[in-house]
Amino acid sequence: MAEVLVYVDHLDGAVRKPTLELLILARRVGEPVAVALGNGAADTAATLAEHGAARVLTHEAAEYGEYLVVPKVDALQAAVAAVSPAAVLVPSSAEGKEIAARLALRLGSGIITDAVDLEVGDEGPVATQSVFAAAFTTKSRVSKGTPVITVKPNSAAVEPAPAAGAVEALSVTFSAAATGTKVTSRTPRESTGRPELTEAAIVVSGGRGVNGAENFGLIEALADSLGAAVGASRAAVDAGWYPHTNQVGQTGKSVSPQLYIANGISGAIQHRAGMQASKTIVAVNKDPEAPIFDLVDYGVVGDLFDVVPQLTEEINTRKGC
């Protein structure tokens, strides 16, 4: 069986959920070989083995933390040379896409970004993508070189699939470009206790209809009752009501959760482009003609200031039963 390289996104050995999803998809087209780099790389092995990694290639070096992107590209290029994989899978984060693009260029290979599914094809892995603001679904394959594919979060359900997970040291020689861009300082993002927006299974968003930063507490309370992430439309962000890091849309972040709840959001194409791939969409808006209702699975025509508190209270009541 052909091997498939999976780039491991982790923080000091704690594997992030999108990587576990990649292992699920990798098993559909071959035997997963995980590549873990940087501080704590060896500590990822148990989790990766539990979720299907046949082998775990590790390499720890200060360069991965001190410099941007290129050292990781060097390492993945070394892994491709060592394994000759059928494909390379990378999470569709901002960094992941840059790593994938640079790797594809070095390999002289084609690249597919933001895949939402993967299957075996007669001539290599076939990736499914949602395109044009999720108005169409396409299937694509790379026709030249080793396919490099980035995959959106929440594209597969994580499930255990124990495998050997044999840990092997990866030999990496860094290129001259590896130390070209140095990280001079880091500022930890303040933790809210909520899931990462792009990885969350449930996202609750607020828009212009929230009518002020002071009212976003309603959105946060609903999100917290569901264990969800909080999003915002561009109108809310531009008004200064919520941080730009939480913007969902074409100029913000793309999300594809199991459940997306839009509150006071009209449904402009800019916003739809960032959330239309959600599995189930619910909207609360007092305008029955709002474009968002053309998209939703469930719609509530009503004032969010009446609907959202009642919904939050009902959820909390049921959780207490």
C-alpha atoms as a PDB file:
ATOM      1  CA  MET A   1       0.000   0.000   0.000  1.00  0.00           C
ATOM      2  CA  ALA A   2       1.287   3.465  -0.906  1.00  0.00           C
ATOM      3  CA  GLU A   3       2.258   5.749   1.951  1.00  0.00           C
ATOM      4  CA  VAL A   4       0.754   9.192   2.512  1.00  0.00           C
ATOM      5  CA  LEU A   5       2.649  11.905   4.375  1.00  0.00           C
ATOM      6  CA  VAL A   6       0.670  13.879   6.963  1.00  0.00           C
ATOM      7  CA  TYR A   7       2.133  17.114   8.301  1.00  0.00           C
ATOM      8  CA  VAL A   8       1.497  17.287  12.054  1.00  0.00           C
ATOM      9  CA  ASP A   9       0.198  20.572  13.462  1.00  0.00           C
ATOM     10  CA  HIS A  10       0.976  20.493  17.178  1.00  0.00           C
ATOM     11  CA  LEU A  11       1.894  22.749  20.074  1.00  0.00           C
ATOM     12  CA  ASP A  12       4.709  21.361  22.219  1.00  0.00           C
ATOM     13  CA  GLY A  13       3.538  17.815  21.575  1.00  0.00           C
ATOM     14  CA  ALA A  14      -0.233  18.430  21.803  1.00  0.00           C
ATOM     15  CA  VAL A  15      -1.688  17.415  18.434  1.00  0.00           C
ATOM     16  CA  ARG A  16      -4.376  19.689  17.013  1.00  0.00           C
ATOM     17  CA  LYS A  17      -7.673  18.231  15.800  1.00  0.00           C
ATOM     18  CA  PRO A  18      -7.177  19.015  12.065  1.00  0.00           C
ATOM     19  CA  THR A  19      -4.171  16.690  12.010  1.00  0.00           C
ATOM     20  CA  LEU A  20      -6.265  13.816  13.367  1.00  0.00           C
ATOM     21  CA  GLU A  21      -8.763  14.496  10.586  1.00  0.00           C
ATOM     22  CA  LEU A  22      -5.931  14.298   8.042  1.00  0.00           C
ATOM     23  CA  LEU A  23      -5.045  10.836   9.338  1.00  0.00           C
ATOM     24  CA  ILE A  24      -8.639   9.715   8.686  1.00  0.00           C
ATOM     25  CA  LEU A  25      -8.472  10.945   5.093  1.00  0.00           C
ATOM     26  CA  ALA A  26      -4.957   9.585   4.572  1.00  0.00           C
ATOM     27  CA  ARG A  27      -6.155   6.076   5.456  1.00  0.00           C
ATOM     28  CA  ARG A  28      -8.626   6.237   2.584  1.00  0.00           C
ATOM     29  CA  VAL A  29      -5.849   6.521   0.018  1.00  0.00           C
ATOM     30  CA  GLY A  30      -2.874   4.802   1.626  1.00  0.00           C
ATOM     31  CA  GLU A  31      -0.881   4.181   4.803  1.00  0.00           C
ATOM     32  CA  PRO A  32      -0.413   7.335   6.909  1.00  0.00           C
ATOM     33  CA  VAL A  33       3.115   8.435   7.770  1.00  0.00           C
ATOM     34  CA  ALA A  34       3.098  11.440  10.098  1.00  0.00           C
ATOM     35  CA  VAL A  35       5.810  14.113  10.081  1.00  0.00           C
ATOM     36  CA  ALA A  36       6.180  15.896  13.445  1.00  0.00           C
ATOM     37  CA  LEU A  37       8.641  18.759  13.728  1.00  0.00           C
ATOM     38  CA  GLY A  38       9.924  21.049  16.441  1.00  0.00           C
ATOM     39  CA  ASN A  39       9.716  21.090  20.214  1.00  0.00           C
ATOM     40  CA  GLY A  40       7.753  18.115  21.562  1.00  0.00           C
ATOM     41  CA  ALA A  41       7.675  16.275  18.218  1.00  0.00           C
ATOM     42  CA  ALA A  42       8.392  12.898  19.816  1.00  0.00           C
ATOM     43  CA  ASP A  43       5.566  13.443  22.305  1.00  0.00           C
ATOM     44  CA  THR A  44       3.021  13.372  19.489  1.00  0.00           C
ATOM     45  CA  ALA A  45       3.665   9.712  18.669  1.00  0.00           C
ATOM     46  CA  ALA A  46       1.150   8.114  21.054  1.00  0.00           C
ATOM     47  CA  THR A  47      -1.742  10.288  19.849  1.00  0.00           C
ATOM     48  CA  LEU A  48      -0.796   9.843  16.206  1.00  0.00           C
ATOM     49  CA  ALA A  49      -0.519   6.067  16.573  1.00  0.00           C
ATOM     50  CA  GLU A  50      -3.922   5.947  18.269  1.00  0.00           C
ATOM     51  CA  HIS A  51      -5.440   7.641  15.226  1.00  0.00           C
ATOM     52  CA  GLY A  52      -3.827   5.619  12.474  1.00  0.00           C
ATOM     53  CA  ALA A  53      -0.223   6.679  11.866  1.00  0.00           C
ATOM     54  CA  ALA A  54       1.823   3.655  10.831  1.00  0.00           C
ATOM     55  CA  ARG A  55       5.047   5.609  11.241  1.00  0.00           C
ATOM     56  CA  VAL A  56       5.959   8.920  12.857  1.00  0.00           C
ATOM     57  CA  LEU A  57       8.963  10.774  11.440  1.00  0.00           C
ATOM     58  CA  THR A  58      10.289  13.283  13.961  1.00  0.00           C
ATOM     59  CA  HIS A  59      12.895  16.022  13.943  1.00  0.00           C
ATOM     60  CA  GLU A  60      13.493  18.563  16.698  1.00  0.00           C
ATOM     61  CA  ALA A  61      15.544  21.681  16.072  1.00  0.00           C
ATOM     62  CA  ALA A  62      15.483  25.258  17.296  1.00  0.00           C
ATOM     63  CA  GLU A  63      15.039  26.507  13.717  1.00  0.00           C
ATOM     64  CA  TYR A  64      11.372  25.457  13.641  1.00  0.00           C
ATOM     65  CA  GLY A  65      10.533  27.895  16.392  1.00  0.00           C
ATOM     66  CA  GLU A  66      13.005  30.653  15.595  1.00  0.00           C
ATOM     67  CA  TYR A  67      12.339  31.058  11.878  1.00  0.00           C
ATOM     68  CA  LEU A  68       9.268  31.195   9.669  1.00  0.00           C
ATOM     69  CA  VAL A  69       7.990  28.382   7.446  1.00  0.00           C
ATOM     70  CA  VAL A  70      11.106  27.489   5.419  1.00  0.00           C
ATOM     71  CA  PRO A  71      12.654  25.039   7.935  1.00  0.00           C
ATOM     72  CA  LYS A  72       9.371  23.093   7.889  1.00  0.00           C
ATOM     73  CA  VAL A  73       9.396  23.059   4.093  1.00  0.00           C
ATOM     74  CA  ASP A  74      12.974  21.743   4.163  1.00  0.00           C
ATOM     75  CA  ALA A  75      11.888  18.948   6.507  1.00  0.00           C
ATOM     76  CA  LEU A  76       8.850  17.965   4.436  1.00  0.00           C
ATOM     77  CA  GLN A  77      10.989  17.917   1.310  1.00  0.00           C
ATOM     78  CA  ALA A  78      13.385  15.558   3.109  1.00  0.00           C
ATOM     79  CA  ALA A  79      10.440  13.380   4.166  1.00  0.00           C
ATOM     80  CA  VAL A  80       9.159  13.191   0.587  1.00  0.00           C
ATOM     81  CA  ALA A  81      12.617  12.106  -0.589  1.00  0.00           C
ATOM     82  CA  ALA A  82      12.779   9.433   2.114  1.00  0.00           C
ATOM     83  CA  VAL A  83       9.256   8.036   1.705  1.00  0.00           C
ATOM     84  CA  SER A  84       8.229   8.673  -1.951  1.00  0.00           C
ATOM     85  CA  PRO A  85       4.599   9.121  -0.856  1.00  0.00           C
ATOM     86  CA  ALA A  86       1.436   8.960  -2.924  1.00  0.00           C
ATOM     87  CA  ALA A  87       0.458  12.388  -1.533  1.00  0.00           C
ATOM     88  CA  VAL A  88       1.303  14.972   1.115  1.00  0.00           C
ATOM     89  CA  LEU A  89      -1.550  16.252   3.309  1.00  0.00           C
ATOM     90  CA  VAL A  90      -1.338  19.557   5.197  1.00  0.00           C
ATOM     91  CA  PRO A  91      -3.959  21.375   7.309  1.00  0.00           C
ATOM     92  CA  SER A  92      -5.545  24.370   5.530  1.00  0.00           C
ATOM     93  CA  SER A  93      -4.335  26.998   7.990  1.00  0.00           C
ATOM     94  CA  ALA A  94      -2.605  30.166   6.798  1.00  0.00           C
ATOM     95  CA  GLU A  95       0.784  28.651   7.636  1.00  0.00           C
ATOM     96  CA  GLY A  96      -0.212  25.259   6.247  1.00  0.00           C
ATOM     97  CA  LYS A  97      -1.102  26.719   2.861  1.00  0.00           C
ATOM     98  CA  GLU A  98       2.210  28.560   2.643  1.00  0.00           C
ATOM     99  CA  ILE A  99       4.131  25.419   3.551  1.00  0.00           C
ATOM    100  CA  ALA A 100       2.162  23.419   0.969  1.00  0.00           C
ATOM    101  CA  ALA A 101       2.681  25.982  -1.793  1.00  0.00           C
ATOM    102  CA  ARG A 102       6.421  26.208  -1.199  1.00  0.00           C
ATOM    103  CA  LEU A 103       6.724  22.420  -1.046  1.00  0.00           C
ATOM    104  CA  ALA A 104       4.790  21.913  -4.280  1.00  0.00           C
ATOM    105  CA  LEU A 105       7.014  24.449  -6.032  1.00  0.00           C
ATOM    106  CA  ARG A 106      10.164  22.675  -4.862  1.00  0.00           C
ATOM    107  CA  LEU A 107       8.832  19.279  -5.927  1.00  0.00           C
ATOM    108  CA  GLY A 108       7.574  20.544  -9.271  1.00  0.00           C
ATOM    109  CA  SER A 109       4.185  19.158  -8.269  1.00  0.00           C
ATOM    110  CA  GLY A 110       0.584  20.258  -8.467  1.00  0.00           C
ATOM    111  CA  ILE A 111      -1.274  21.524  -5.405  1.00  0.00           C
ATOM    112  CA  ILE A 112      -4.913  21.419  -4.318  1.00  0.00           C
ATOM    113  CA  THR A 113      -6.050  23.729  -1.496  1.00  0.00           C
ATOM    114  CA  ASP A 114      -9.049  23.662   0.844  1.00  0.00           C
ATOM    115  CA  ALA A 115     -10.131  20.099   0.083  1.00  0.00           C
ATOM    116  CA  VAL A 116     -13.097  18.821   2.092  1.00  0.00           C
ATOM    117  CA  ASP A 117     -12.814  15.126   1.177  1.00  0.00           C
ATOM    118  CA  LEU A 118     -10.376  12.652  -0.334  1.00  0.00           C
ATOM    119  CA  GLU A 119     -10.846   9.364  -2.159  1.00  0.00           C
ATOM    120  CA  VAL A 120      -8.873   6.842  -4.196  1.00  0.00           C
ATOM    121  CA  GLY A 121      -8.780   7.460  -7.928  1.00  0.00           C
ATOM    122  CA  ASP A 122      -7.463   5.452 -10.862  1.00  0.00           C
ATOM    123  CA  GLU A 123      -4.575   7.890 -11.294  1.00  0.00           C
ATOM    124  CA  GLY A 124      -4.005   9.040  -7.734  1.00  0.00           C
ATOM    125  CA  PRO A 125      -5.943  10.668  -4.894  1.00  0.00           C
ATOM    126  CA  VAL A 126      -9.050  12.646  -5.878  1.00  0.00           C
ATOM    127  CA  ALA A 127      -9.896  15.693  -3.763  1.00  0.00           C
ATOM    128  CA  THR A 128     -13.338  17.241  -3.303  1.00  0.00           C
ATOM    129  CA  GLN A 129     -13.543  21.028  -2.964  1.00  0.00           C
ATOM    130  CA  SER A 130     -16.353  23.518  -2.307  1.00  0.00           C
ATOM    131  CA  VAL A 131     -15.787  26.439  -4.675  1.00  0.00           C
ATOM    132  CA  PHE A 132     -17.329  29.800  -5.598  1.00  0.00           C
ATOM    133  CA  ALA A 133     -18.574  30.425  -2.058  1.00  0.00           C
ATOM    134  CA  ALA A 134     -19.621  26.755  -1.798  1.00  0.00           C
ATOM    135  CA  ALA A 135     -22.078  27.161  -4.669  1.00  0.00           C
ATOM    136  CA  PHE A 136     -20.398  24.262  -6.500  1.00  0.00           C
ATOM    137  CA  THR A 137     -18.589  21.053  -5.560  1.00  0.00           C
ATOM    138  CA  THR A 138     -15.665  19.933  -7.685  1.00  0.00           C
ATOM    139  CA  LYS A 139     -13.443  16.871  -7.799  1.00  0.00           C
ATOM    140  CA  SER A 140      -9.804  17.335  -8.771  1.00  0.00           C
ATOM    141  CA  ARG A 141      -6.564  15.420  -8.936  1.00  0.00           C
ATOM    142  CA  VAL A 142      -2.956  16.418  -9.404  1.00  0.00           C
ATOM    143  CA  SER A 143      -1.616  15.290 -12.769  1.00  0.00           C
ATOM    144  CA  LYS A 144       2.069  16.089 -12.201  1.00  0.00           C
ATOM    145  CA  GLY A 145       4.426  15.036  -9.433  1.00  0.00           C
ATOM    146  CA  THR A 146       3.531  14.178  -5.847  1.00  0.00           C
ATOM    147  CA  PRO A 147       0.109  15.666  -4.970  1.00  0.00           C
ATOM    148  CA  VAL A 148       0.264  18.278  -2.216  1.00  0.00           C
ATOM    149  CA  ILE A 149      -3.197  18.773  -0.713  1.00  0.00           C
ATOM    150  CA  THR A 150      -4.384  21.085   2.043  1.00  0.00           C
ATOM    151  CA  VAL A 151      -7.572  20.067   3.857  1.00  0.00           C
ATOM    152  CA  LYS A 152     -10.103  22.285   5.634  1.00  0.00           C
ATOM    153  CA  PRO A 153     -10.838  21.635   9.327  1.00  0.00           C
ATOM    154  CA  ASN A 154     -13.994  19.633  10.136  1.00  0.00           C
ATOM    155  CA  SER A 155     -13.732  17.683   6.882  1.00  0.00           C
ATOM    156  CA  ALA A 156     -13.775  14.291   8.615  1.00  0.00           C
ATOM    157  CA  ALA A 157     -14.999  12.891  11.907  1.00  0.00           C
ATOM    158  CA  VAL A 158     -12.123  11.983  14.220  1.00  0.00           C
ATOM    159  CA  GLU A 159     -12.138   8.366  15.320  1.00  0.00           C
ATOM    160  CA  PRO A 160      -9.540   5.997  16.857  1.00  0.00           C
ATOM    161  CA  ALA A 161      -7.772   3.599  14.502  1.00  0.00           C
ATOM    162  CA  PRO A 162      -4.790   2.155  16.384  1.00  0.00           C
ATOM    163  CA  ALA A 163      -1.642   1.603  14.323  1.00  0.00           C
ATOM    164  CA  ALA A 164       2.018   0.870  14.979  1.00  0.00           C
ATOM    165  CA  GLY A 165       3.126   4.496  15.184  1.00  0.00           C
ATOM    166  CA  ALA A 166       6.787   3.512  14.976  1.00  0.00           C
ATOM    167  CA  VAL A 167       8.926   6.562  15.745  1.00  0.00           C
ATOM    168  CA  GLU A 168      11.789   7.228  13.353  1.00  0.00           C
ATOM    169  CA  ALA A 169      14.265  10.088  13.237  1.00  0.00           C
ATOM    170  CA  LEU A 170      14.055  12.194  10.089  1.00  0.00           C
ATOM    171  CA  SER A 171      17.333  13.468   8.688  1.00  0.00           C
ATOM    172  CA  VAL A 172      16.998  17.128   7.689  1.00  0.00           C
ATOM    173  CA  THR A 173      19.530  19.508   6.191  1.00  0.00           C
ATOM    174  CA  PHE A 174      18.341  23.093   6.327  1.00  0.00           C
ATOM    175  CA  SER A 175      18.718  25.251   3.245  1.00  0.00           C
ATOM    176  CA  ALA A 176      20.369  28.680   3.212  1.00  0.00           C
ATOM    177  CA  ALA A 177      16.896  30.243   3.042  1.00  0.00           C
ATOM    178  CA  ALA A 178      15.807  28.552   6.275  1.00  0.00           C
ATOM    179  CA  THR A 179      17.200  31.335   8.441  1.00  0.00           C
ATOM    180  CA  GLY A 180      16.105  34.198   6.201  1.00  0.00           C
ATOM    181  CA  THR A 181      13.136  35.351   8.276  1.00  0.00           C
ATOM    182  CA  LYS A 182      13.639  35.326  12.031  1.00  0.00           C
ATOM    183  CA  VAL A 183      10.908  35.508  14.672  1.00  0.00           C
ATOM    184  CA  THR A 184      11.948  38.357  16.953  1.00  0.00           C
ATOM    185  CA  SER A 185       9.111  38.188  19.474  1.00  0.00           C
ATOM    186  CA  ARG A 186       5.863  36.388  20.248  1.00  0.00           C
ATOM    187  CA  THR A 187       2.754  37.652  22.008  1.00  0.00           C
ATOM    188  CA  PRO A 188       0.504  34.854  23.260  1.00  0.00           C
ATOM    189  CA  ARG A 189      -3.106  35.302  22.289  1.00  0.00           C
ATOM    190  CA  GLU A 190      -5.351  35.815  25.278  1.00  0.00           C
ATOM    191  CA  SER A 191      -7.328  32.656  25.909  1.00  0.00           C
ATOM    192  CA  THR A 192     -11.116  32.893  25.956  1.00  0.00           C
ATOM    193  CA  GLY A 193     -11.615  29.253  26.878  1.00  0.00           C
ATOM    194  CA  ARG A 194     -13.574  28.792  23.647  1.00  0.00           C
ATOM    195  CA  PRO A 195     -12.592  26.565  20.693  1.00  0.00           C
ATOM    196  CA  GLU A 196     -10.431  27.907  17.870  1.00  0.00           C
ATOM    197  CA  LEU A 197     -12.774  29.516  15.331  1.00  0.00           C
ATOM    198  CA  THR A 198     -11.609  27.589  12.261  1.00  0.00           C
ATOM    199  CA  GLU A 199     -11.574  24.246  14.110  1.00  0.00           C
ATOM    200  CA  ALA A 200     -14.802  24.528  16.110  1.00  0.00           C
ATOM    201  CA  ALA A 201     -17.651  22.079  15.566  1.00  0.00           C
ATOM    202  CA  ILE A 202     -20.152  24.839  16.421  1.00  0.00           C
ATOM    203  CA  VAL A 203     -19.843  28.542  15.593  1.00  0.00           C
ATOM    204  CA  VAL A 204     -22.198  31.283  16.824  1.00  0.00           C
ATOM    205  CA  SER A 205     -21.809  34.585  14.966  1.00  0.00           C
ATOM    206  CA  GLY A 206     -23.192  38.096  15.327  1.00  0.00           C
ATOM    207  CA  GLY A 207     -23.608  40.822  12.729  1.00  0.00           C
ATOM    208  CA  ARG A 208     -24.885  44.341  12.246  1.00  0.00           C
ATOM    209  CA  GLY A 209     -28.137  43.425  14.001  1.00  0.00           C
ATOM    210  CA  VAL A 210     -26.304  42.969  17.316  1.00  0.00           C
ATOM    211  CA  ASN A 211     -26.180  46.767  17.337  1.00  0.00           C
ATOM    212  CA  GLY A 212     -23.114  47.382  19.467  1.00  0.00           C
ATOM    213  CA  ALA A 213     -20.109  45.844  21.196  1.00  0.00           C
ATOM    214  CA  GLU A 214     -21.952  45.824  24.510  1.00  0.00           C
ATOM    215  CA  ASN A 215     -24.537  43.433  23.062  1.00  0.00           C
ATOM    216  CA  PHE A 216     -22.075  40.791  21.912  1.00  0.00           C
ATOM    217  CA  GLY A 217     -22.429  39.318  25.398  1.00  0.00           C
ATOM    218  CA  LEU A 218     -25.665  37.727  24.118  1.00  0.00           C
ATOM    219  CA  ILE A 219     -23.745  36.005  21.333  1.00  0.00           C
ATOM    220  CA  GLU A 220     -21.004  34.882  23.715  1.00  0.00           C
ATOM    221  CA  ALA A 221     -23.531  33.499  26.211  1.00  0.00           C
ATOM    222  CA  LEU A 222     -25.200  31.397  23.492  1.00  0.00           C
ATOM    223  CA  ALA A 223     -21.821  30.200  22.271  1.00  0.00           C
ATOM    224  CA  ASP A 224     -20.724  29.231  25.782  1.00  0.00           C
ATOM    225  CA  SER A 225     -23.939  27.272  26.359  1.00  0.00           C
ATOM    226  CA  LEU A 226     -23.091  25.194  23.282  1.00  0.00           C
ATOM    227  CA  GLY A 227     -19.321  24.994  23.788  1.00  0.00           C
ATOM    228  CA  ALA A 228     -18.958  26.971  20.562  1.00  0.00           C
ATOM    229  CA  ALA A 229     -16.609  29.509  19.029  1.00  0.00           C
ATOM    230  CA  VAL A 230     -17.713  33.102  18.468  1.00  0.00           C
ATOM    231  CA  GLY A 231     -17.653  34.683  15.018  1.00  0.00           C
ATOM    232  CA  ALA A 232     -18.583  38.084  13.635  1.00  0.00           C
ATOM    233  CA  SER A 233     -19.542  39.558  10.282  1.00  0.00           C
ATOM    234  CA  ARG A 234     -17.413  42.170   8.558  1.00  0.00           C
ATOM    235  CA  ALA A 235     -19.957  44.859   9.433  1.00  0.00           C
ATOM    236  CA  ALA A 236     -19.586  44.068  13.143  1.00  0.00           C
ATOM    237  CA  VAL A 237     -15.808  43.966  12.917  1.00  0.00           C
ATOM    238  CA  ASP A 238     -15.547  47.181  10.902  1.00  0.00           C
ATOM    239  CA  ALA A 239     -17.730  48.908  13.495  1.00  0.00           C
ATOM    240  CA  GLY A 240     -15.238  47.883  16.184  1.00  0.00           C
ATOM    241  CA  TRP A 241     -17.714  45.680  18.013  1.00  0.00           C
ATOM    242  CA  TYR A 242     -15.591  42.509  17.883  1.00  0.00           C
ATOM    243  CA  PRO A 243     -11.944  41.659  17.051  1.00  0.00           C
ATOM    244  CA  HIS A 244     -10.893  41.127  13.445  1.00  0.00           C
ATOM    245  CA  THR A 245      -9.490  37.726  14.419  1.00  0.00           C
ATOM    246  CA  ASN A 246     -13.084  36.530  14.791  1.00  0.00           C
ATOM    247  CA  GLN A 247     -14.320  37.746  11.404  1.00  0.00           C
ATOM    248  CA  VAL A 248     -15.981  35.109   9.264  1.00  0.00           C
ATOM    249  CA  GLY A 249     -16.097  35.790   5.540  1.00  0.00           C
ATOM    250  CA  GLN A 250     -14.187  36.258   2.328  1.00  0.00           C
ATOM    251  CA  THR A 251     -11.838  38.788   3.923  1.00  0.00           C
ATOM    252  CA  GLY A 252     -11.837  36.971   7.267  1.00  0.00           C
ATOM    253  CA  LYS A 253     -11.741  33.292   8.158  1.00  0.00           C
ATOM    254  CA  SER A 254     -13.458  30.410   6.421  1.00  0.00           C
ATOM    255  CA  VAL A 255     -15.258  27.971   8.707  1.00  0.00           C
ATOM    256  CA  SER A 256     -17.009  24.678   8.056  1.00  0.00           C
ATOM    257  CA  PRO A 257     -18.508  23.591  11.398  1.00  0.00           C
ATOM    258  CA  GLN A 258     -21.219  21.023  11.977  1.00  0.00           C
ATOM    259  CA  LEU A 259     -23.511  23.856  13.145  1.00  0.00           C
ATOM    260  CA  TYR A 260     -23.384  27.561  12.287  1.00  0.00           C
ATOM    261  CA  ILE A 261     -25.784  30.016  13.969  1.00  0.00           C
ATOM    262  CA  ALA A 262     -25.965  33.473  12.364  1.00  0.00           C
ATOM    263  CA  ASN A 263     -27.567  36.201  14.480  1.00  0.00           C
ATOM    264  CA  GLY A 264     -28.439  39.579  12.984  1.00  0.00           C
ATOM    265  CA  ILE A 265     -26.459  38.803   9.823  1.00  0.00           C
ATOM    266  CA  SER A 266     -28.078  39.738   6.510  1.00  0.00           C
ATOM    267  CA  GLY A 267     -26.185  37.176   4.440  1.00  0.00           C
ATOM    268  CA  ALA A 268     -24.077  39.273   2.058  1.00  0.00           C
ATOM    269  CA  ILE A 269     -21.934  37.212  -0.337  1.00  0.00           C
ATOM    270  CA  GLN A 270     -18.794  38.332   1.529  1.00  0.00           C
ATOM    271  CA  HIS A 271     -20.016  36.569   4.671  1.00  0.00           C
ATOM    272  CA  ARG A 272     -21.516  33.590   2.866  1.00  0.00           C
ATOM    273  CA  ALA A 273     -18.153  32.856   1.256  1.00  0.00           C
ATOM    274  CA  GLY A 274     -16.703  32.145   4.687  1.00  0.00           C
ATOM    275  CA  MET A 275     -19.425  29.920   6.158  1.00  0.00           C
ATOM    276  CA  GLN A 276     -21.482  28.427   3.352  1.00  0.00           C
ATOM    277  CA  ALA A 277     -19.726  25.065   3.682  1.00  0.00           C
ATOM    278  CA  SER A 278     -21.152  24.583   7.206  1.00  0.00           C
ATOM    279  CA  LYS A 279     -23.069  21.334   7.584  1.00  0.00           C
ATOM    280  CA  THR A 280     -26.174  22.857   9.244  1.00  0.00           C
ATOM    281  CA  ILE A 281     -26.955  26.583   9.175  1.00  0.00           C
ATOM    282  CA  VAL A 282     -29.403  28.390  11.443  1.00  0.00           C
ATOM    283  CA  ALA A 283     -30.223  32.109  11.140  1.00  0.00           C
ATOM    284  CA  VAL A 284     -32.026  34.551  13.418  1.00  0.00           C
ATOM    285  CA  ASN A 285     -33.056  37.788  11.691  1.00  0.00           C
ATOM    286  CA  LYS A 286     -36.057  40.074  12.014  1.00  0.00           C
ATOM    287  CA  ASP A 287     -36.093  40.781   8.259  1.00  0.00           C
ATOM    288  CA  PRO A 288     -37.955  37.928   6.501  1.00  0.00           C
ATOM    289  CA  GLU A 289     -36.409  39.029   3.193  1.00  0.00           C
ATOM    290  CA  ALA A 290     -32.799  38.800   4.429  1.00  0.00           C
ATOM    291  CA  PRO A 291     -30.622  36.905   1.896  1.00  0.00           C
ATOM    292  CA  ILE A 292     -29.325  34.631   4.666  1.00  0.00           C
ATOM    293  CA  PHE A 293     -32.671  32.800   4.642  1.00  0.00           C
ATOM    294  CA  ASP A 294     -31.968  31.554   1.104  1.00  0.00           C
ATOM    295  CA  LEU A 295     -29.068  29.586   2.527  1.00  0.00           C
ATOM    296  CA  VAL A 296     -30.199  28.220   5.871  1.00  0.00           C
ATOM    297  CA  ASP A 297     -31.489  24.846   7.000  1.00  0.00           C
ATOM    298  CA  TYR A 298     -33.502  26.496   9.773  1.00  0.00           C
ATOM    299  CA  GLY A 299     -34.548  30.130  10.009  1.00  0.00           C
ATOM    300  CA  VAL A 300     -36.102  32.164  12.808  1.00  0.00           C
ATOM    301  CA  VAL A 301     -37.781  35.434  11.811  1.00  0.00           C
ATOM    302  CA  GLY A 302     -37.587  37.457  14.987  1.00  0.00           C
ATOM    303  CA  ASP A 303     -35.635  39.970  17.029  1.00  0.00           C
ATOM    304  CA  LEU A 304     -32.384  38.403  18.179  1.00  0.00           C
ATOM    305  CA  PHE A 305     -32.717  40.266  21.487  1.00  0.00           C
ATOM    306  CA  ASP A 306     -35.825  38.173  22.166  1.00  0.00           C
ATOM    307  CA  VAL A 307     -34.791  34.913  20.497  1.00  0.00           C
ATOM    308  CA  VAL A 308     -31.148  34.468  21.563  1.00  0.00           C
ATOM    309  CA  PRO A 309     -31.671  34.820  25.349  1.00  0.00           C
ATOM    310  CA  GLN A 310     -34.584  32.351  25.215  1.00  0.00           C
ATOM    311  CA  LEU A 311     -32.494  29.895  23.189  1.00  0.00           C
ATOM    312  CA  THR A 312     -29.567  30.214  25.610  1.00  0.00           C
ATOM    313  CA  GLU A 313     -31.848  29.696  28.605  1.00  0.00           C
ATOM    314  CA  GLU A 314     -33.462  26.627  27.038  1.00  0.00           C
ATOM    315  CA  ILE A 315     -30.075  25.074  26.227  1.00  0.00           C
ATOM    316  CA  ASN A 316     -28.795  25.672  29.745  1.00  0.00           C
ATOM    317  CA  THR A 317     -32.011  24.235  31.211  1.00  0.00           C
ATOM    318  CA  ARG A 318     -31.695  21.087  29.139  1.00  0.00           C
ATOM    319  CA  LYS A 319     -28.046  20.718  30.042  1.00  0.00           C
ATOM    320  CA  GLY A 320     -29.044  20.877  33.705  1.00  0.00           C
ATOM    321  CA  CYS A 321     -31.620  18.088  33.375  1.00  0.00           C
END
